[in-house]
N, C-alpha and C. Protein backbone atom coordinates (compact mmCIF):
# COMPACT_ATOMS: atom_id res chain seq x y z
N MET A 1 -37.77 -7.45 -44.60
CA MET A 1 -36.43 -7.15 -43.92
C MET A 1 -36.50 -5.97 -42.69
N ASP A 2 -38.00 -5.55 -42.54
CA ASP A 2 -38.40 -4.50 -41.38
C ASP A 2 -37.42 -3.47 -41.82
N LEU A 3 -37.73 -2.71 -42.74
CA LEU A 3 -37.41 -1.44 -43.53
C LEU A 3 -38.52 -0.51 -43.16
N VAL A 4 -39.37 -0.72 -43.53
CA VAL A 4 -40.73 0.10 -43.37
C VAL A 4 -41.79 -0.39 -42.31
N ALA A 5 -42.47 0.69 -41.88
CA ALA A 5 -43.44 0.10 -40.79
C ALA A 5 -44.33 -0.91 -41.61
N GLU A 6 -45.20 -1.68 -40.76
CA GLU A 6 -45.98 -2.78 -41.24
C GLU A 6 -47.27 -2.02 -41.96
N ALA A 7 -47.83 -2.35 -43.16
CA ALA A 7 -48.96 -1.56 -43.68
C ALA A 7 -49.75 -2.65 -44.68
N GLU A 8 -51.05 -2.30 -45.04
CA GLU A 8 -51.54 -3.11 -46.08
C GLU A 8 -50.91 -2.89 -47.33
N ASP A 9 -50.86 -3.55 -48.35
CA ASP A 9 -50.57 -3.50 -49.42
C ASP A 9 -50.86 -2.27 -49.88
N GLU A 10 -52.19 -1.56 -50.20
CA GLU A 10 -52.50 -0.37 -50.81
C GLU A 10 -51.91 0.50 -50.14
N GLU A 11 -52.12 0.64 -48.75
CA GLU A 11 -51.32 1.62 -47.98
C GLU A 11 -49.82 1.97 -48.12
N LEU A 12 -49.09 0.81 -48.46
CA LEU A 12 -47.93 0.72 -48.25
C LEU A 12 -47.68 1.54 -49.81
N LEU A 13 -48.27 1.25 -50.75
CA LEU A 13 -48.23 1.80 -52.09
C LEU A 13 -48.60 3.31 -52.09
N ASP A 14 -49.39 3.57 -51.55
CA ASP A 14 -49.37 5.19 -51.32
C ASP A 14 -48.58 5.99 -50.46
N ARG A 15 -48.31 5.18 -49.45
CA ARG A 15 -47.57 6.11 -48.16
C ARG A 15 -46.10 6.20 -48.74
N HIS A 16 -45.51 4.96 -49.86
CA HIS A 16 -44.11 5.23 -50.01
C HIS A 16 -43.97 5.42 -51.21
N PHE A 17 -44.43 4.63 -52.37
CA PHE A 17 -44.29 4.82 -53.49
C PHE A 17 -45.01 5.77 -54.33
N MET A 18 -46.19 6.05 -53.94
CA MET A 18 -47.32 7.20 -54.57
C MET A 18 -46.38 8.80 -54.24
N ASP A 19 -46.02 8.38 -52.85
CA ASP A 19 -45.61 9.64 -52.06
C ASP A 19 -44.28 9.97 -52.76
N SER A 20 -43.49 8.98 -52.94
CA SER A 20 -42.27 9.42 -53.56
C SER A 20 -42.45 9.75 -55.13
N LEU A 21 -43.25 9.41 -55.59
CA LEU A 21 -43.35 9.58 -57.39
C LEU A 21 -44.15 10.75 -57.77
N GLY A 22 -44.66 11.47 -56.56
CA GLY A 22 -45.73 12.72 -56.88
C GLY A 22 -44.88 13.75 -57.07
N ILE A 23 -44.04 13.66 -56.77
CA ILE A 23 -42.82 14.96 -57.12
C ILE A 23 -42.74 14.97 -58.60
N LEU A 24 -42.94 13.79 -59.37
CA LEU A 24 -43.04 14.04 -60.83
C LEU A 24 -43.90 14.78 -61.74
N ARG A 25 -44.90 15.23 -60.85
CA ARG A 25 -45.76 16.11 -61.56
C ARG A 25 -45.52 17.55 -61.46
N MET A 26 -44.48 17.79 -60.72
CA MET A 26 -44.43 19.37 -60.26
C MET A 26 -43.39 19.86 -60.89
N GLY A 27 -42.44 19.07 -61.54
CA GLY A 27 -41.54 19.80 -62.62
C GLY A 27 -39.91 20.23 -61.95
N LEU A 28 -39.71 19.87 -61.00
CA LEU A 28 -38.96 20.11 -59.97
C LEU A 28 -37.57 19.14 -60.18
N LEU A 29 -37.66 18.01 -61.14
CA LEU A 29 -36.68 17.13 -61.64
C LEU A 29 -36.20 17.36 -62.91
N GLU A 30 -36.95 18.53 -63.64
CA GLU A 30 -36.79 18.93 -64.91
C GLU A 30 -35.36 19.27 -65.24
N GLY A 31 -34.58 18.74 -66.01
CA GLY A 31 -33.26 19.30 -66.49
C GLY A 31 -32.15 18.56 -65.51
N ALA A 32 -32.57 17.50 -64.47
CA ALA A 32 -31.55 17.26 -63.80
C ALA A 32 -31.17 16.07 -64.16
N GLU A 33 -29.40 15.64 -64.02
CA GLU A 33 -29.07 14.79 -64.64
C GLU A 33 -28.46 13.84 -63.33
N SER A 34 -28.51 14.50 -62.27
CA SER A 34 -27.99 13.39 -61.05
C SER A 34 -28.73 13.95 -59.60
N LEU A 35 -29.04 12.97 -59.04
CA LEU A 35 -29.51 13.02 -57.75
C LEU A 35 -28.97 12.05 -56.55
N ILE A 36 -29.01 12.47 -55.85
CA ILE A 36 -28.74 11.77 -54.52
C ILE A 36 -29.72 11.59 -53.38
N ASP A 37 -29.96 10.53 -52.84
CA ASP A 37 -30.90 10.61 -51.84
C ASP A 37 -30.32 10.16 -50.46
N VAL A 38 -30.19 11.23 -49.67
CA VAL A 38 -29.32 11.00 -48.25
C VAL A 38 -30.12 10.29 -47.08
N GLY A 39 -29.71 9.27 -46.72
CA GLY A 39 -30.44 8.63 -45.68
C GLY A 39 -31.71 7.90 -46.25
N THR A 40 -31.25 7.00 -47.49
CA THR A 40 -32.44 6.48 -48.34
C THR A 40 -33.18 5.43 -47.68
N GLY A 41 -32.81 4.74 -46.44
CA GLY A 41 -33.27 3.79 -45.62
C GLY A 41 -33.72 2.73 -46.94
N ALA A 42 -35.23 2.36 -47.14
CA ALA A 42 -35.42 1.29 -48.15
C ALA A 42 -35.64 1.76 -49.57
N GLY A 43 -35.32 2.95 -49.78
CA GLY A 43 -34.99 3.47 -51.26
C GLY A 43 -35.95 4.34 -51.49
N PHE A 44 -36.60 5.07 -50.45
CA PHE A 44 -37.60 6.02 -50.93
C PHE A 44 -37.31 7.24 -50.28
N PRO A 45 -37.26 8.50 -51.28
CA PRO A 45 -37.71 8.26 -52.45
C PRO A 45 -36.82 7.80 -53.74
N GLY A 46 -35.53 7.73 -53.17
CA GLY A 46 -34.43 7.64 -54.54
C GLY A 46 -34.66 6.39 -55.49
N MET A 47 -34.77 5.23 -54.83
CA MET A 47 -34.85 4.07 -55.74
C MET A 47 -36.30 4.03 -56.54
N ALA A 48 -37.15 4.53 -55.91
CA ALA A 48 -38.40 4.62 -56.63
C ALA A 48 -38.36 5.72 -57.76
N LEU A 49 -37.72 6.85 -57.59
CA LEU A 49 -37.35 7.75 -58.61
C LEU A 49 -36.46 7.29 -59.79
N ALA A 50 -35.37 6.51 -59.47
CA ALA A 50 -34.21 5.69 -60.20
C ALA A 50 -35.08 4.83 -61.32
N LEU A 51 -36.04 4.17 -60.56
CA LEU A 51 -36.74 3.04 -61.32
C LEU A 51 -37.68 3.97 -62.38
N ALA A 52 -38.35 5.28 -62.16
CA ALA A 52 -38.97 5.96 -62.71
C ALA A 52 -38.67 6.67 -63.84
N MET A 53 -37.52 7.03 -63.71
CA MET A 53 -36.28 7.98 -64.57
C MET A 53 -35.19 7.41 -64.88
N PRO A 54 -34.98 6.52 -65.76
CA PRO A 54 -33.61 5.76 -65.83
C PRO A 54 -32.47 6.75 -66.36
N GLU A 55 -33.12 7.99 -66.93
CA GLU A 55 -31.99 8.71 -67.61
C GLU A 55 -31.38 9.58 -66.57
N ILE A 56 -31.87 9.67 -65.02
CA ILE A 56 -31.22 10.30 -64.18
C ILE A 56 -30.04 9.31 -63.61
N ARG A 57 -28.91 9.90 -63.34
CA ARG A 57 -28.00 9.06 -62.29
C ARG A 57 -28.45 9.27 -60.65
N VAL A 58 -28.59 8.27 -60.03
CA VAL A 58 -29.22 8.03 -58.79
C VAL A 58 -28.23 7.57 -57.93
N THR A 59 -27.67 8.30 -56.89
CA THR A 59 -26.98 7.81 -55.86
C THR A 59 -27.50 7.62 -54.55
N LEU A 60 -27.81 6.26 -53.95
CA LEU A 60 -28.24 6.16 -52.83
C LEU A 60 -27.54 6.03 -51.53
N LEU A 61 -27.39 6.94 -50.60
CA LEU A 61 -26.60 6.81 -49.29
C LEU A 61 -27.13 6.63 -48.30
N ASP A 62 -26.52 5.78 -47.22
CA ASP A 62 -27.18 5.44 -45.93
C ASP A 62 -25.82 4.84 -45.08
N SER A 63 -26.21 4.91 -43.57
CA SER A 63 -25.38 4.73 -42.99
C SER A 63 -25.61 3.14 -42.51
N GLN A 64 -26.60 2.47 -42.77
CA GLN A 64 -26.40 1.19 -42.07
C GLN A 64 -26.31 0.20 -43.48
N GLN A 65 -25.58 -0.69 -43.24
CA GLN A 65 -25.06 -1.59 -44.37
C GLN A 65 -26.36 -2.57 -44.61
N LYS A 66 -27.13 -2.94 -43.65
CA LYS A 66 -28.39 -3.51 -43.93
C LYS A 66 -29.42 -3.10 -44.95
N ARG A 67 -29.32 -1.96 -44.83
CA ARG A 67 -30.45 -1.32 -46.10
C ARG A 67 -29.65 -1.30 -47.09
N LEU A 68 -28.45 -1.00 -47.42
CA LEU A 68 -27.80 -1.34 -48.56
C LEU A 68 -27.35 -2.55 -49.23
N ASN A 69 -27.49 -3.54 -48.39
CA ASN A 69 -27.91 -4.74 -49.11
C ASN A 69 -29.01 -5.10 -49.72
N PHE A 70 -30.03 -4.96 -49.02
CA PHE A 70 -31.42 -4.96 -49.51
C PHE A 70 -31.54 -3.99 -50.75
N LEU A 71 -31.16 -2.70 -51.01
CA LEU A 71 -31.11 -2.17 -52.15
C LEU A 71 -30.14 -2.85 -53.25
N ALA A 72 -28.96 -3.40 -52.96
CA ALA A 72 -28.27 -3.87 -54.03
C ALA A 72 -29.30 -5.06 -54.85
N GLU A 73 -29.62 -5.72 -53.99
CA GLU A 73 -30.72 -7.00 -54.36
C GLU A 73 -31.91 -6.32 -55.10
N VAL A 74 -32.29 -5.31 -54.90
CA VAL A 74 -33.42 -4.47 -55.66
C VAL A 74 -32.58 -4.10 -57.14
N ILE A 75 -31.58 -3.41 -56.97
CA ILE A 75 -30.60 -3.24 -58.04
C ILE A 75 -30.71 -4.31 -58.87
N ARG A 76 -30.30 -5.63 -58.16
CA ARG A 76 -30.00 -6.55 -59.30
C ARG A 76 -31.26 -7.07 -60.01
N GLN A 77 -32.35 -7.34 -59.01
CA GLN A 77 -33.56 -7.83 -59.67
C GLN A 77 -34.02 -6.97 -60.73
N THR A 78 -33.88 -5.68 -60.67
CA THR A 78 -34.76 -4.54 -61.46
C THR A 78 -33.81 -4.43 -62.82
N ASP A 79 -32.39 -4.79 -62.48
CA ASP A 79 -31.55 -4.62 -63.50
C ASP A 79 -31.37 -3.03 -63.87
N SER A 80 -31.22 -2.39 -62.74
CA SER A 80 -30.90 -0.91 -63.14
C SER A 80 -29.92 -0.69 -63.03
N GLN A 81 -29.38 0.18 -64.08
CA GLN A 81 -28.20 0.65 -64.89
C GLN A 81 -27.53 1.72 -64.08
N ASN A 82 -28.66 3.14 -63.59
CA ASN A 82 -28.49 4.17 -63.05
C ASN A 82 -28.38 4.56 -61.58
N VAL A 83 -28.19 3.41 -60.93
CA VAL A 83 -28.07 3.52 -59.45
C VAL A 83 -26.55 3.05 -59.05
N ALA A 84 -26.02 4.11 -58.05
CA ALA A 84 -24.68 3.73 -57.25
C ALA A 84 -25.06 3.89 -55.65
N LEU A 85 -24.62 2.99 -54.99
CA LEU A 85 -24.86 2.79 -53.40
C LEU A 85 -23.57 3.23 -52.37
N ILE A 86 -23.81 3.85 -51.66
CA ILE A 86 -22.74 4.59 -50.81
C ILE A 86 -23.08 4.23 -49.31
N HIS A 87 -22.21 3.51 -48.71
CA HIS A 87 -22.08 3.45 -47.07
C HIS A 87 -21.45 4.66 -46.66
N ALA A 88 -22.34 5.47 -45.93
CA ALA A 88 -21.59 6.63 -45.15
C ALA A 88 -22.53 7.44 -44.61
N ARG A 89 -22.22 8.13 -43.31
CA ARG A 89 -22.91 9.07 -43.01
C ARG A 89 -23.26 10.34 -43.65
N ALA A 90 -24.26 10.75 -43.61
CA ALA A 90 -24.76 12.21 -44.08
C ALA A 90 -23.17 13.10 -44.23
N GLU A 91 -22.71 13.43 -43.10
CA GLU A 91 -21.85 14.42 -42.69
C GLU A 91 -20.43 13.77 -43.39
N ASP A 92 -20.44 12.78 -43.31
CA ASP A 92 -19.06 12.18 -43.84
C ASP A 92 -18.96 11.97 -45.29
N GLY A 93 -20.20 11.78 -46.05
CA GLY A 93 -20.02 11.54 -47.59
C GLY A 93 -19.89 13.06 -47.96
N ALA A 94 -20.52 14.05 -47.31
CA ALA A 94 -20.50 15.35 -47.82
C ALA A 94 -18.95 15.98 -47.91
N ARG A 95 -18.15 15.35 -47.30
CA ARG A 95 -16.75 15.98 -47.38
C ARG A 95 -15.79 15.16 -48.22
N LYS A 96 -16.52 14.19 -48.94
CA LYS A 96 -15.70 13.56 -50.14
C LYS A 96 -15.64 14.20 -51.44
N PRO A 97 -14.51 14.69 -51.88
CA PRO A 97 -14.41 15.70 -53.04
C PRO A 97 -15.20 15.15 -54.36
N GLU A 98 -15.58 13.59 -54.49
CA GLU A 98 -16.27 13.05 -55.30
C GLU A 98 -17.82 13.44 -55.45
N LEU A 99 -18.20 13.56 -54.07
CA LEU A 99 -19.72 14.00 -53.83
C LEU A 99 -19.94 15.31 -53.41
N ARG A 100 -18.95 16.17 -52.99
CA ARG A 100 -19.24 17.50 -52.50
C ARG A 100 -19.81 18.36 -53.52
N GLU A 101 -21.04 19.05 -53.73
CA GLU A 101 -21.48 20.04 -54.81
C GLU A 101 -21.27 19.45 -56.06
N GLN A 102 -21.69 17.98 -56.09
CA GLN A 102 -21.85 17.44 -57.17
C GLN A 102 -23.20 16.95 -58.13
N PHE A 103 -24.13 17.26 -57.23
CA PHE A 103 -25.41 16.70 -57.66
C PHE A 103 -26.40 17.78 -57.81
N ASP A 104 -27.24 17.50 -59.02
CA ASP A 104 -28.26 18.41 -59.37
C ASP A 104 -29.26 18.64 -58.46
N ARG A 105 -29.89 17.54 -57.55
CA ARG A 105 -30.55 17.50 -56.83
C ARG A 105 -30.35 16.67 -55.61
N ALA A 106 -30.48 16.99 -54.54
CA ALA A 106 -30.23 16.09 -53.38
C ALA A 106 -31.58 15.94 -52.49
N VAL A 107 -32.04 14.77 -52.25
CA VAL A 107 -33.44 14.62 -51.62
C VAL A 107 -33.16 13.63 -50.29
N ALA A 108 -34.31 14.38 -49.55
CA ALA A 108 -34.42 12.99 -48.33
C ALA A 108 -35.91 13.19 -47.90
N ARG A 109 -36.60 11.98 -47.32
CA ARG A 109 -37.79 11.84 -47.13
C ARG A 109 -37.95 11.43 -45.64
N ALA A 110 -38.27 12.01 -44.56
CA ALA A 110 -38.67 11.47 -43.15
C ALA A 110 -37.23 11.29 -42.72
N VAL A 111 -36.46 12.27 -42.66
CA VAL A 111 -35.16 12.05 -41.88
C VAL A 111 -34.64 12.91 -40.83
N ALA A 112 -35.14 14.32 -40.79
CA ALA A 112 -34.90 15.01 -39.98
C ALA A 112 -35.42 16.20 -40.06
N PRO A 113 -35.49 17.28 -38.83
CA PRO A 113 -36.09 18.56 -38.90
C PRO A 113 -35.17 19.32 -39.97
N LEU A 114 -35.85 20.27 -40.64
CA LEU A 114 -35.52 21.32 -41.95
C LEU A 114 -33.96 21.59 -41.45
N ASN A 115 -33.90 22.31 -40.34
CA ASN A 115 -32.53 22.71 -40.21
C ASN A 115 -31.53 21.54 -39.83
N VAL A 116 -31.55 20.68 -39.69
CA VAL A 116 -30.72 19.41 -39.55
C VAL A 116 -30.67 19.10 -41.17
N LEU A 117 -31.76 18.87 -41.50
CA LEU A 117 -31.62 18.60 -43.24
C LEU A 117 -30.68 19.55 -44.00
N CYS A 118 -30.80 20.71 -43.68
CA CYS A 118 -30.27 21.61 -44.71
C CYS A 118 -28.57 21.21 -44.61
N GLU A 119 -28.24 21.14 -43.42
CA GLU A 119 -26.67 20.70 -43.10
C GLU A 119 -26.41 19.25 -43.68
N TYR A 120 -27.24 18.31 -43.90
CA TYR A 120 -27.41 16.85 -44.41
C TYR A 120 -27.02 17.34 -45.88
N LEU A 121 -27.89 17.90 -46.54
CA LEU A 121 -27.99 17.87 -48.00
C LEU A 121 -27.32 19.16 -48.84
N MET A 122 -27.38 20.24 -48.16
CA MET A 122 -26.66 21.18 -49.21
C MET A 122 -25.31 20.93 -49.50
N PRO A 123 -24.72 20.35 -48.77
CA PRO A 123 -23.16 20.25 -49.32
C PRO A 123 -23.23 19.36 -50.49
N TYR A 124 -24.24 18.64 -50.69
CA TYR A 124 -24.10 17.82 -51.70
C TYR A 124 -24.72 18.58 -53.42
N VAL A 125 -25.22 19.64 -53.01
CA VAL A 125 -25.92 20.20 -54.22
C VAL A 125 -25.13 21.25 -54.88
N ARG A 126 -24.87 21.11 -56.31
CA ARG A 126 -24.13 22.16 -57.09
C ARG A 126 -25.00 23.39 -56.86
N VAL A 127 -24.12 24.42 -57.06
CA VAL A 127 -24.69 25.76 -56.93
C VAL A 127 -25.65 25.77 -58.38
N GLY A 128 -26.92 26.28 -58.21
CA GLY A 128 -27.96 26.32 -59.32
C GLY A 128 -28.56 24.83 -59.30
N GLY A 129 -28.55 24.15 -58.12
CA GLY A 129 -29.36 22.84 -57.94
C GLY A 129 -30.47 23.01 -56.86
N LEU A 130 -30.82 21.94 -56.82
CA LEU A 130 -32.15 21.78 -55.64
C LEU A 130 -32.07 20.88 -54.45
N MET A 131 -32.47 21.34 -53.34
CA MET A 131 -32.56 20.38 -52.11
C MET A 131 -33.98 20.05 -52.17
N LEU A 132 -34.68 18.94 -51.98
CA LEU A 132 -35.82 18.57 -52.32
C LEU A 132 -36.20 17.77 -50.88
N CYS A 133 -36.93 18.19 -49.90
CA CYS A 133 -37.46 17.62 -48.56
C CYS A 133 -38.90 17.26 -48.75
N TRP A 134 -39.18 16.02 -48.41
CA TRP A 134 -40.48 15.27 -48.14
C TRP A 134 -40.83 15.76 -46.82
N LYS A 135 -41.97 16.71 -46.47
CA LYS A 135 -42.34 16.87 -44.96
C LYS A 135 -43.90 16.84 -44.95
N GLY A 136 -44.23 16.72 -43.61
CA GLY A 136 -45.71 16.40 -43.33
C GLY A 136 -45.96 17.70 -42.72
N PRO A 137 -47.06 17.87 -41.85
CA PRO A 137 -47.98 19.07 -41.57
C PRO A 137 -47.08 20.14 -40.63
N GLY A 138 -45.96 19.14 -40.06
CA GLY A 138 -45.37 19.96 -38.84
C GLY A 138 -44.31 20.73 -39.79
N LEU A 139 -44.35 21.14 -40.96
CA LEU A 139 -43.29 21.57 -41.68
C LEU A 139 -43.28 23.41 -41.07
N THR A 140 -44.42 23.65 -40.90
CA THR A 140 -44.46 25.28 -40.38
C THR A 140 -43.62 25.50 -39.37
N GLU A 141 -43.63 24.73 -38.42
CA GLU A 141 -42.87 24.86 -37.16
C GLU A 141 -41.41 24.82 -37.31
N GLU A 142 -40.96 24.20 -38.22
CA GLU A 142 -39.62 23.95 -38.73
C GLU A 142 -39.14 25.21 -39.64
N MET A 143 -39.94 25.93 -40.13
CA MET A 143 -39.50 26.92 -41.33
C MET A 143 -38.36 28.14 -40.82
N GLU A 144 -38.81 28.62 -39.85
CA GLU A 144 -37.96 29.48 -39.35
C GLU A 144 -36.45 29.21 -39.14
N ALA A 145 -36.28 28.24 -38.40
CA ALA A 145 -35.13 27.90 -38.08
C ALA A 145 -34.28 27.34 -39.53
N GLY A 146 -35.37 26.53 -40.32
CA GLY A 146 -34.77 25.88 -41.56
C GLY A 146 -34.48 27.08 -42.58
N ARG A 147 -34.92 28.35 -42.64
CA ARG A 147 -34.32 29.45 -43.62
C ARG A 147 -33.27 29.94 -42.94
N ARG A 148 -33.04 30.06 -41.80
CA ARG A 148 -31.47 30.62 -41.21
C ARG A 148 -30.61 29.43 -41.44
N ALA A 149 -31.01 28.29 -41.30
CA ALA A 149 -29.87 27.04 -41.63
C ALA A 149 -29.41 27.24 -43.21
N ALA A 150 -30.62 27.08 -43.91
CA ALA A 150 -30.37 27.36 -45.50
C ALA A 150 -29.42 28.41 -45.76
N PHE A 151 -29.59 29.61 -45.00
CA PHE A 151 -29.08 30.72 -45.45
C PHE A 151 -27.56 30.69 -45.44
N LEU A 152 -26.95 30.02 -44.31
CA LEU A 152 -25.66 29.91 -43.63
C LEU A 152 -24.68 28.67 -44.58
N LEU A 153 -25.96 27.94 -45.41
CA LEU A 153 -25.26 27.02 -46.34
C LEU A 153 -25.21 27.08 -47.56
N GLY A 154 -25.75 28.37 -48.13
CA GLY A 154 -25.87 28.50 -49.57
C GLY A 154 -27.04 28.59 -50.25
N GLY A 155 -27.94 28.17 -49.18
CA GLY A 155 -29.53 27.76 -49.82
C GLY A 155 -30.40 29.04 -49.64
N LYS A 156 -31.51 29.16 -50.24
CA LYS A 156 -32.66 29.67 -50.11
C LYS A 156 -34.05 28.68 -50.44
N VAL A 157 -34.59 28.94 -49.25
CA VAL A 157 -36.06 28.23 -48.98
C VAL A 157 -37.02 28.57 -49.97
N ARG A 158 -37.57 27.89 -50.83
CA ARG A 158 -38.80 28.28 -51.75
C ARG A 158 -40.24 27.81 -51.01
N GLU A 159 -41.26 28.03 -51.62
CA GLU A 159 -42.61 27.71 -50.93
C GLU A 159 -42.83 26.31 -51.10
N PRO A 160 -43.44 25.83 -50.00
CA PRO A 160 -43.50 24.18 -50.29
C PRO A 160 -44.92 24.02 -51.38
N GLU A 161 -44.98 22.84 -51.80
CA GLU A 161 -45.75 22.53 -52.87
C GLU A 161 -46.34 20.95 -52.18
N ALA A 162 -47.78 21.18 -52.22
CA ALA A 162 -48.41 19.75 -51.68
C ALA A 162 -48.14 18.67 -52.69
N VAL A 163 -48.34 17.50 -52.12
CA VAL A 163 -48.35 16.13 -53.07
C VAL A 163 -49.77 15.35 -52.80
N PRO A 164 -50.74 15.79 -53.37
CA PRO A 164 -51.57 15.14 -52.97
C PRO A 164 -51.92 13.48 -53.67
N ILE A 165 -52.49 12.77 -52.93
CA ILE A 165 -52.39 11.07 -53.15
C ILE A 165 -54.00 10.93 -52.96
N GLN A 166 -54.33 10.55 -54.14
CA GLN A 166 -55.86 10.25 -54.31
C GLN A 166 -56.81 9.36 -53.13
N GLY A 167 -57.40 10.10 -52.60
CA GLY A 167 -58.11 9.04 -51.70
C GLY A 167 -57.67 9.09 -50.41
N ARG A 168 -56.80 9.72 -50.04
CA ARG A 168 -55.88 9.97 -48.91
C ARG A 168 -55.88 11.40 -48.36
N ASP A 169 -56.11 11.47 -47.01
CA ASP A 169 -56.23 12.78 -46.50
C ASP A 169 -54.85 13.41 -45.86
N TRP A 170 -53.65 12.85 -46.10
CA TRP A 170 -52.39 12.87 -45.72
C TRP A 170 -51.85 14.21 -46.24
N GLU A 171 -51.15 14.99 -45.36
CA GLU A 171 -50.73 16.45 -45.59
C GLU A 171 -49.23 16.30 -45.77
N HIS A 172 -48.82 15.73 -47.23
CA HIS A 172 -47.47 15.59 -47.35
C HIS A 172 -47.18 16.56 -48.62
N LEU A 173 -45.88 17.21 -48.40
CA LEU A 173 -45.44 18.33 -48.65
C LEU A 173 -44.19 18.18 -49.49
N ILE A 174 -43.86 18.94 -50.45
CA ILE A 174 -42.41 18.84 -50.82
C ILE A 174 -41.64 20.27 -50.92
N LEU A 175 -40.66 20.26 -50.34
CA LEU A 175 -39.88 21.73 -49.90
C LEU A 175 -38.83 21.89 -50.68
N PRO A 176 -39.25 22.81 -51.70
CA PRO A 176 -37.76 22.94 -52.53
C PRO A 176 -36.68 24.01 -51.70
N VAL A 177 -35.23 23.88 -51.78
CA VAL A 177 -34.59 24.55 -51.31
C VAL A 177 -33.65 25.00 -52.36
N SER A 178 -33.37 26.01 -53.22
CA SER A 178 -32.46 26.66 -54.19
C SER A 178 -30.88 26.63 -53.56
N LYS A 179 -29.95 26.17 -54.39
CA LYS A 179 -28.50 26.35 -53.97
C LYS A 179 -28.04 27.50 -54.64
N VAL A 180 -28.20 28.77 -53.77
CA VAL A 180 -27.66 30.00 -54.85
C VAL A 180 -26.18 30.38 -54.45
N GLY A 181 -25.44 29.59 -53.68
CA GLY A 181 -23.89 30.09 -53.21
C GLY A 181 -23.28 28.73 -52.77
N PRO A 182 -22.17 28.75 -53.00
CA PRO A 182 -21.31 27.36 -52.40
C PRO A 182 -21.40 27.22 -50.86
N THR A 183 -21.37 26.19 -50.38
CA THR A 183 -21.63 26.09 -48.77
C THR A 183 -20.04 26.03 -48.30
N PRO A 184 -20.04 26.70 -47.19
CA PRO A 184 -18.74 27.17 -46.60
C PRO A 184 -18.10 25.89 -46.05
N LYS A 185 -16.76 25.84 -46.45
CA LYS A 185 -16.20 24.49 -46.20
C LYS A 185 -16.29 23.91 -44.62
N MET A 186 -16.56 24.80 -43.80
CA MET A 186 -16.61 24.45 -42.52
C MET A 186 -18.01 23.33 -42.23
N TYR A 187 -18.71 23.38 -43.17
CA TYR A 187 -20.12 22.60 -43.25
C TYR A 187 -19.92 21.36 -44.09
N PRO A 188 -20.47 20.08 -43.95
CA PRO A 188 -21.23 19.99 -42.58
C PRO A 188 -19.78 19.77 -41.43
N ARG A 189 -20.52 19.85 -40.24
CA ARG A 189 -19.49 19.88 -39.03
C ARG A 189 -19.67 18.22 -39.00
N LYS A 190 -18.98 17.98 -37.96
CA LYS A 190 -18.57 16.40 -38.12
C LYS A 190 -19.55 15.47 -37.62
N ALA A 191 -19.70 14.39 -37.54
CA ALA A 191 -20.68 13.42 -37.54
C ALA A 191 -21.63 13.47 -36.20
N GLY A 192 -22.76 13.72 -36.19
CA GLY A 192 -23.51 14.07 -34.95
C GLY A 192 -23.97 15.34 -34.37
N THR A 193 -22.90 16.31 -35.00
CA THR A 193 -23.06 17.58 -34.36
C THR A 193 -24.38 18.06 -35.00
N PRO A 194 -24.74 18.01 -36.18
CA PRO A 194 -25.88 18.67 -37.01
C PRO A 194 -27.18 18.42 -36.16
N LYS A 195 -27.35 17.43 -35.51
CA LYS A 195 -28.38 16.59 -34.90
C LYS A 195 -28.77 17.19 -33.57
N THR A 196 -27.19 17.31 -32.82
CA THR A 196 -27.20 17.73 -31.48
C THR A 196 -27.10 19.31 -31.15
N ARG A 197 -26.71 19.86 -32.15
CA ARG A 197 -26.41 21.53 -32.10
C ARG A 197 -26.97 21.78 -33.28
N PRO A 198 -28.35 21.82 -33.86
CA PRO A 198 -28.51 22.34 -35.42
C PRO A 198 -28.64 23.67 -35.38
N LEU A 199 -28.10 24.05 -36.48
CA LEU A 199 -27.93 25.55 -37.07
C LEU A 199 -29.54 26.12 -37.14
N GLY A 200 -29.73 27.19 -37.33
CA GLY A 200 -30.60 28.09 -37.07
C GLY A 200 -31.51 28.53 -35.79
């Protein structure tokens, strides 16, 4: 369905599945009962984590119905009982009472710069939970604005952790952001604004 870039099978496995599941070695999901993947695309990392950890309730949110149709078929074929699908933009979903500050973890992979991601994800995370971002080597350039944005949204940026994949020299990182206080009601701003006028 052309949801990910073309690649050889082994590279596809490493670039998407192993990269998504690398977080399991870090302990960042310990104690989590619920997780939302914002902008899930083809289901990375959320669907991969749902299959690996059936004890966690996973919500996959995306703005494109085509992607959700694909994931509905994956859920059917894998008989996954712990996955829910939501069709919405990140900013709109975060204003729904049943979603706002309801998740132990909010995750995103290859979605947006850190300061934009903070506004997309932090409103979904309960106080005491974590926002987890999959990032590449460009993270260093995003950190200053990302820290400021996280602070405005009730978050505190922690140190990134490397996700090594055996036999690959990719610089993949997981950046945890702790939710230390509630997100102000003014955030997220209306759909499109976080991208065109990012915080930080």
